[in-house]
Amino acid sequence: VDAAYANPNPLPFSSAEATREGKVIKLFFELRAAGYNGSTYTLTYDPAADVLKGVYFQAVAQQKFDVHFTRAR
């Protein structure tokens, strides 16, 4: 998996993990940057829609948000 996060500048991941459960691809990312420490993305790939979707946990605010990402072309 080749992934990057920018808001608007790139932010570093402290960890990234990809797993497969049957045909389901799951991704987990943890950010380490000021204002993002401990924030995570827990995502599942939807091949029919070609999107990643899941939950963003904003650790500083202790809030969860539903998110989806589309492929940059």
N, C-alpha and C. Protein backbone atom coordinates (compact mmCIF):
# COMPACT_ATOMS: atom_id res chain seq x y z
N VAL A 1 0.85 -1.17 0.00
CA VAL A 1 0.00 0.00 0.00
C VAL A 1 0.89 1.22 0.00
N ASP A 2 0.63 2.12 -0.92
CA ASP A 2 1.35 3.39 -0.99
C ASP A 2 0.37 4.46 -0.54
N ALA A 3 0.61 5.09 0.62
CA ALA A 3 -0.33 6.07 1.16
C ALA A 3 0.42 7.28 1.67
N ALA A 4 -0.24 8.42 1.59
CA ALA A 4 0.31 9.67 2.12
C ALA A 4 -0.83 10.47 2.71
N TYR A 5 -0.49 11.33 3.67
CA TYR A 5 -1.49 12.18 4.31
C TYR A 5 -0.95 13.60 4.32
N ALA A 6 -1.72 14.53 3.85
CA ALA A 6 -1.31 15.93 3.82
C ALA A 6 -2.48 16.81 4.23
N ASN A 7 -2.19 17.78 5.09
CA ASN A 7 -3.26 18.65 5.58
C ASN A 7 -2.74 20.06 5.87
N PRO A 8 -2.32 20.87 4.96
CA PRO A 8 -2.06 20.61 3.54
C PRO A 8 -0.67 20.02 3.31
N ASN A 9 0.21 20.06 4.32
CA ASN A 9 1.56 19.50 4.17
C ASN A 9 1.58 18.06 4.68
N PRO A 10 2.52 17.25 4.17
CA PRO A 10 2.59 15.86 4.61
C PRO A 10 2.78 15.73 6.12
N LEU A 11 2.11 14.75 6.70
CA LEU A 11 2.24 14.43 8.12
C LEU A 11 2.75 12.99 8.23
N PRO A 12 3.59 12.71 9.24
CA PRO A 12 4.17 11.38 9.34
C PRO A 12 3.25 10.36 10.01
N PHE A 13 3.29 9.13 9.51
CA PHE A 13 2.65 8.00 10.18
C PHE A 13 3.66 7.39 11.14
N SER A 14 3.23 7.06 12.35
CA SER A 14 4.13 6.34 13.26
C SER A 14 4.00 4.84 13.04
N SER A 15 2.84 4.42 12.54
CA SER A 15 2.66 3.01 12.19
C SER A 15 1.63 2.88 11.09
N ALA A 16 1.77 1.83 10.33
CA ALA A 16 0.82 1.52 9.26
C ALA A 16 0.75 0.01 9.14
N GLU A 17 -0.46 -0.51 9.04
CA GLU A 17 -0.65 -1.95 8.97
C GLU A 17 -1.74 -2.28 7.96
N ALA A 18 -1.48 -3.25 7.12
CA ALA A 18 -2.48 -3.75 6.18
C ALA A 18 -2.70 -5.23 6.47
N THR A 19 -3.97 -5.62 6.54
CA THR A 19 -4.32 -7.03 6.76
C THR A 19 -5.40 -7.43 5.78
N ARG A 20 -5.53 -8.73 5.59
CA ARG A 20 -6.58 -9.26 4.72
C ARG A 20 -7.34 -10.31 5.50
N GLU A 21 -8.66 -10.16 5.51
CA GLU A 21 -9.54 -11.16 6.12
C GLU A 21 -10.44 -11.67 5.00
N GLY A 22 -10.10 -12.83 4.46
CA GLY A 22 -10.80 -13.33 3.29
C GLY A 22 -10.52 -12.40 2.12
N LYS A 23 -11.55 -11.82 1.54
CA LYS A 23 -11.38 -10.87 0.44
C LYS A 23 -11.34 -9.42 0.90
N VAL A 24 -11.47 -9.18 2.21
CA VAL A 24 -11.54 -7.82 2.75
C VAL A 24 -10.15 -7.33 3.13
N ILE A 25 -9.77 -6.17 2.58
CA ILE A 25 -8.49 -5.54 2.90
C ILE A 25 -8.75 -4.46 3.94
N LYS A 26 -8.02 -4.55 5.06
CA LYS A 26 -8.17 -3.57 6.14
C LYS A 26 -6.85 -2.84 6.34
N LEU A 27 -6.95 -1.55 6.62
CA LEU A 27 -5.77 -0.71 6.82
C LEU A 27 -5.89 0.04 8.14
N PHE A 28 -4.76 0.20 8.82
CA PHE A 28 -4.72 0.96 10.07
C PHE A 28 -3.50 1.88 10.01
N PHE A 29 -3.71 3.15 10.28
CA PHE A 29 -2.63 4.14 10.28
C PHE A 29 -2.69 4.94 11.57
N GLU A 30 -1.52 5.22 12.14
CA GLU A 30 -1.44 6.10 13.30
C GLU A 30 -0.52 7.26 12.97
N LEU A 31 -0.97 8.47 13.29
CA LEU A 31 -0.21 9.69 13.02
C LEU A 31 0.59 10.11 14.24
N ARG A 32 1.75 10.73 14.00
CA ARG A 32 2.56 11.32 15.05
C ARG A 32 3.03 12.68 14.57
N ALA A 33 2.29 13.70 14.92
CA ALA A 33 2.65 15.08 14.57
C ALA A 33 1.88 15.99 15.52
N ALA A 34 2.37 17.19 15.72
CA ALA A 34 1.71 18.13 16.62
C ALA A 34 0.23 18.26 16.26
N GLY A 35 -0.62 18.08 17.25
CA GLY A 35 -2.06 18.17 17.04
C GLY A 35 -2.70 16.89 16.54
N TYR A 36 -1.88 15.89 16.20
CA TYR A 36 -2.39 14.63 15.67
C TYR A 36 -1.91 13.41 16.45
N ASN A 37 -1.04 13.61 17.45
CA ASN A 37 -0.43 12.49 18.16
C ASN A 37 -1.47 11.47 18.62
N GLY A 38 -1.28 10.24 18.16
CA GLY A 38 -2.18 9.16 18.54
C GLY A 38 -3.45 9.08 17.72
N SER A 39 -3.65 10.00 16.80
CA SER A 39 -4.84 9.95 15.93
C SER A 39 -4.69 8.78 14.97
N THR A 40 -5.81 8.11 14.67
CA THR A 40 -5.74 6.90 13.85
C THR A 40 -6.81 6.89 12.76
N TYR A 41 -6.51 6.14 11.73
CA TYR A 41 -7.47 5.79 10.69
C TYR A 41 -7.62 4.28 10.69
N THR A 42 -8.84 3.79 10.76
CA THR A 42 -9.15 2.38 10.63
C THR A 42 -10.05 2.26 9.41
N LEU A 43 -9.52 1.67 8.32
CA LEU A 43 -10.18 1.71 7.02
C LEU A 43 -10.37 0.33 6.42
N THR A 44 -11.36 0.22 5.56
CA THR A 44 -11.62 -0.98 4.77
C THR A 44 -11.70 -0.56 3.31
N TYR A 45 -11.09 -1.37 2.44
CA TYR A 45 -11.14 -1.07 1.01
C TYR A 45 -12.43 -1.63 0.42
N ASP A 46 -13.15 -0.79 -0.33
CA ASP A 46 -14.36 -1.19 -1.05
C ASP A 46 -14.00 -1.26 -2.53
N PRO A 47 -13.73 -2.45 -3.06
CA PRO A 47 -13.29 -2.56 -4.46
C PRO A 47 -14.36 -2.15 -5.47
N ALA A 48 -15.62 -2.35 -5.16
CA ALA A 48 -16.69 -1.98 -6.10
C ALA A 48 -16.71 -0.47 -6.34
N ALA A 49 -16.47 0.30 -5.29
CA ALA A 49 -16.48 1.76 -5.40
C ALA A 49 -15.06 2.33 -5.53
N ASP A 50 -14.03 1.47 -5.37
CA ASP A 50 -12.63 1.88 -5.40
C ASP A 50 -12.36 3.00 -4.39
N VAL A 51 -12.83 2.81 -3.16
CA VAL A 51 -12.61 3.78 -2.08
C VAL A 51 -12.17 3.07 -0.81
N LEU A 52 -11.48 3.82 0.02
CA LEU A 52 -11.20 3.40 1.39
C LEU A 52 -12.21 4.10 2.27
N LYS A 53 -12.84 3.38 3.20
CA LYS A 53 -13.79 4.02 4.10
C LYS A 53 -13.64 3.43 5.49
N GLY A 54 -13.98 4.26 6.48
CA GLY A 54 -13.84 3.81 7.85
C GLY A 54 -13.99 4.95 8.83
N VAL A 55 -13.15 4.90 9.88
CA VAL A 55 -13.27 5.85 10.99
C VAL A 55 -11.93 6.53 11.24
N TYR A 56 -11.98 7.85 11.40
CA TYR A 56 -10.83 8.64 11.84
C TYR A 56 -11.06 8.98 13.30
N PHE A 57 -10.11 8.63 14.16
CA PHE A 57 -10.17 8.98 15.57
C PHE A 57 -9.19 10.12 15.81
N GLN A 58 -9.70 11.28 16.19
CA GLN A 58 -8.88 12.45 16.48
C GLN A 58 -8.55 12.39 17.97
N ALA A 59 -7.33 11.95 18.29
CA ALA A 59 -6.95 11.65 19.67
C ALA A 59 -6.97 12.88 20.58
N VAL A 60 -6.52 14.01 20.09
CA VAL A 60 -6.46 15.21 20.94
C VAL A 60 -7.86 15.62 21.38
N ALA A 61 -8.82 15.60 20.46
CA ALA A 61 -10.21 15.99 20.77
C ALA A 61 -11.05 14.81 21.27
N GLN A 62 -10.49 13.58 21.18
CA GLN A 62 -11.23 12.38 21.58
C GLN A 62 -12.55 12.26 20.82
N GLN A 63 -12.50 12.47 19.49
CA GLN A 63 -13.68 12.40 18.64
C GLN A 63 -13.45 11.42 17.49
N LYS A 64 -14.54 10.78 17.04
CA LYS A 64 -14.50 9.88 15.89
C LYS A 64 -15.31 10.47 14.75
N PHE A 65 -14.80 10.27 13.52
CA PHE A 65 -15.46 10.78 12.32
C PHE A 65 -15.48 9.68 11.27
N ASP A 66 -16.62 9.53 10.58
CA ASP A 66 -16.68 8.64 9.42
C ASP A 66 -15.94 9.33 8.28
N VAL A 67 -15.10 8.57 7.57
CA VAL A 67 -14.30 9.13 6.47
C VAL A 67 -14.32 8.20 5.27
N HIS A 68 -14.01 8.77 4.10
CA HIS A 68 -13.75 7.95 2.92
C HIS A 68 -12.72 8.67 2.06
N PHE A 69 -11.93 7.88 1.37
CA PHE A 69 -10.87 8.40 0.52
C PHE A 69 -11.03 7.81 -0.88
N THR A 70 -10.90 8.66 -1.87
CA THR A 70 -10.93 8.21 -3.26
C THR A 70 -9.51 8.23 -3.81
N ARG A 71 -9.29 7.42 -4.80
CA ARG A 71 -7.96 7.31 -5.41
C ARG A 71 -7.64 8.57 -6.22
N ALA A 72 -6.43 9.11 -6.02
CA ALA A 72 -5.97 10.23 -6.84
C ALA A 72 -5.60 9.68 -8.21
N ARG A 73 -6.04 10.34 -9.24
CA ARG A 73 -5.77 9.86 -10.60
C ARG A 73 -4.84 10.81 -11.31
